[in-house]
Amino acid sequence: MDRSTNSPHSTRSSKALIVLVASAFFMENLDGTVIATALPQMGLDFHASAIDVSLGMTVYLLTLGILIPISGWIADRFGARLVFTSAIAIFTLASLLCGLSASLPQFIAWRILQGVGGALMVPVGRLLVLRTTDKSQLIRALTSLTWPGLIAPVLGPPLGGFLTTYASWRWIFFLNIPLGLAGIVGSAILLRHYNETSRRPLDVLGFVLSGSSLALLMYGADMAGQTGSATRALACIAVGAAIGVAAVRHLRRHPHPLVDLSLLRIPTFAVTVWAGSIFRIVISVAPLLLALMFQIAMGLDAFVSGLLVLAIFAGNLLMKIVIPRMLDRSGFRVVLLANGLLLVLSTAMCAFITGATPTWVIAAILFLGGASRSVQMSALTTLAFADVDAARMSSASSLMSAIVQLASGMGIAVGALVLSIAVSIGRGVARHPNVADFQMAFVLTAALGLVGVGLALGLDRNAGSAMRSARRS
């Protein structure tokens, strides 16, 4: 495929590819969270505790952390078409095997295999869109790729609970099979003329250091949300950070680094890394705190609390339609700053929710939060690649995927941390958090969001103008 062409046929093919990649993203993001509510039932079937079964979530995250940094090199070496199609096939096969698992060891093994497919699907799929989409359509294309990461974490827990209650937890994985088969066929058709490869040396030490660091950081973040795991979580995060420092030093000195850190010298890419990470953490914290507050502090059941959180999903979908026009008219800097403040405001407004708050008011607050989440993530995702040249696009996609996964995982750790701080401020003793504690946690989270707004202030007023100009022409 040639990005320079803009015929009706190439435009249709590009749109179809975007739908294909977005669907693959949705599968991967959904499977990271959907089994959370199914753990007790899975434990009964496997004759194991829910905590033991949760290892299936952990190994999935660890596999992502280890393999995402090398995904760009694999795509360059073997071709993005082959790698992306193979990743969908691996993910689909692993989903079938997960659903057929007869024991916990089997399930964990297939979850690792599923993680292999997921780790390659996301960065390589994004790379294909970046390389095959005309620049005039890139804003719309990249904003379309943000919705799976926003919607899947919201839909995952209630969908998992529904399937487990009214069917079987195995259908959580069987649902991926028709989607995966359609993805394999679609990939074979849409990418049949795309065969671009390049050879560059594999930075083995860079792979070991970066993969180990990311895996430990994500594992530590995952443990931070579990009761009684604070010490182990901090140890993993500390070791992961230390290895990360060593990885950065190595990558800066290596002539052919696995991940090109010189990308951080590009102002637009750097802002989406630093400010974007803060915003992603805030966005990950809010649904977690809301679900816990509705059930633990307000006494709502899981189904009702899940329905309320779906208001975030509605806000996400509505804004998806107008985001490209907003970016065209106002520019990236204005949108990121103004909407960043709106994101902070919607997070702070959650601090006013109590058991006496009318349902429609709660829904309105969550809808506003969902809308601001959608705009912020779409603008950041699009701006990240605005000034990256074609030669470094695969490295940029791998690096951004790693940052997104890490920031989203850190959202769990930050959510547990702010809630713990709120409980300490409230009474200073170990106890179940009440509504006031969650309110304080939302205030602390909103304050963190202001840090992200401050980091975005350094963005040039003309940032991303080339992409906007291409879309207008």
Foldseek 3Di string as FASTA:
>chain_A
DALPDDDPVLVVLLVLLLVLLLLLLLLLLLVLFQCLQVLCVVCVQQVHHSVLLCVLNLLLLLLLLLQLLLLLVVCQAFNLLVQQLVLLVQLLVLLLQCLVDRHSVSNSVSSSSNSPSSSNSQLSSVLVSVRRHHLLCLLLSLLSNCLSNQVSNLVRHLVSNVCVVPPNNSVSSVVSNVSSVVSSVSSCVSCVVGGHHDDDDDPVLLSVLSSQLLSLLLSLLQQLLPPPCPVVSVVSNVVSVVSVVVSVVVQVPDPGHSANPCLCVPPLQVLLLVLVLLLLLLSLLQLVLQQCQCCQALPDDNNVSSVLLCLLVVLLVVLSVCLVVCCLPQNLLVQQQVLLLQLLVLLLVLLVDDNPDDSVVSSVSSSSNSNSSSNNSSSSSSLNCLPPDSVNSSSSSSVVVSSSSSSSSNSSNLNSVQLVVLVCVVPNDDDRDHSNSSSSSSNVSSVSSVVSSVSSVPDDSCRSVVSSVSNVD
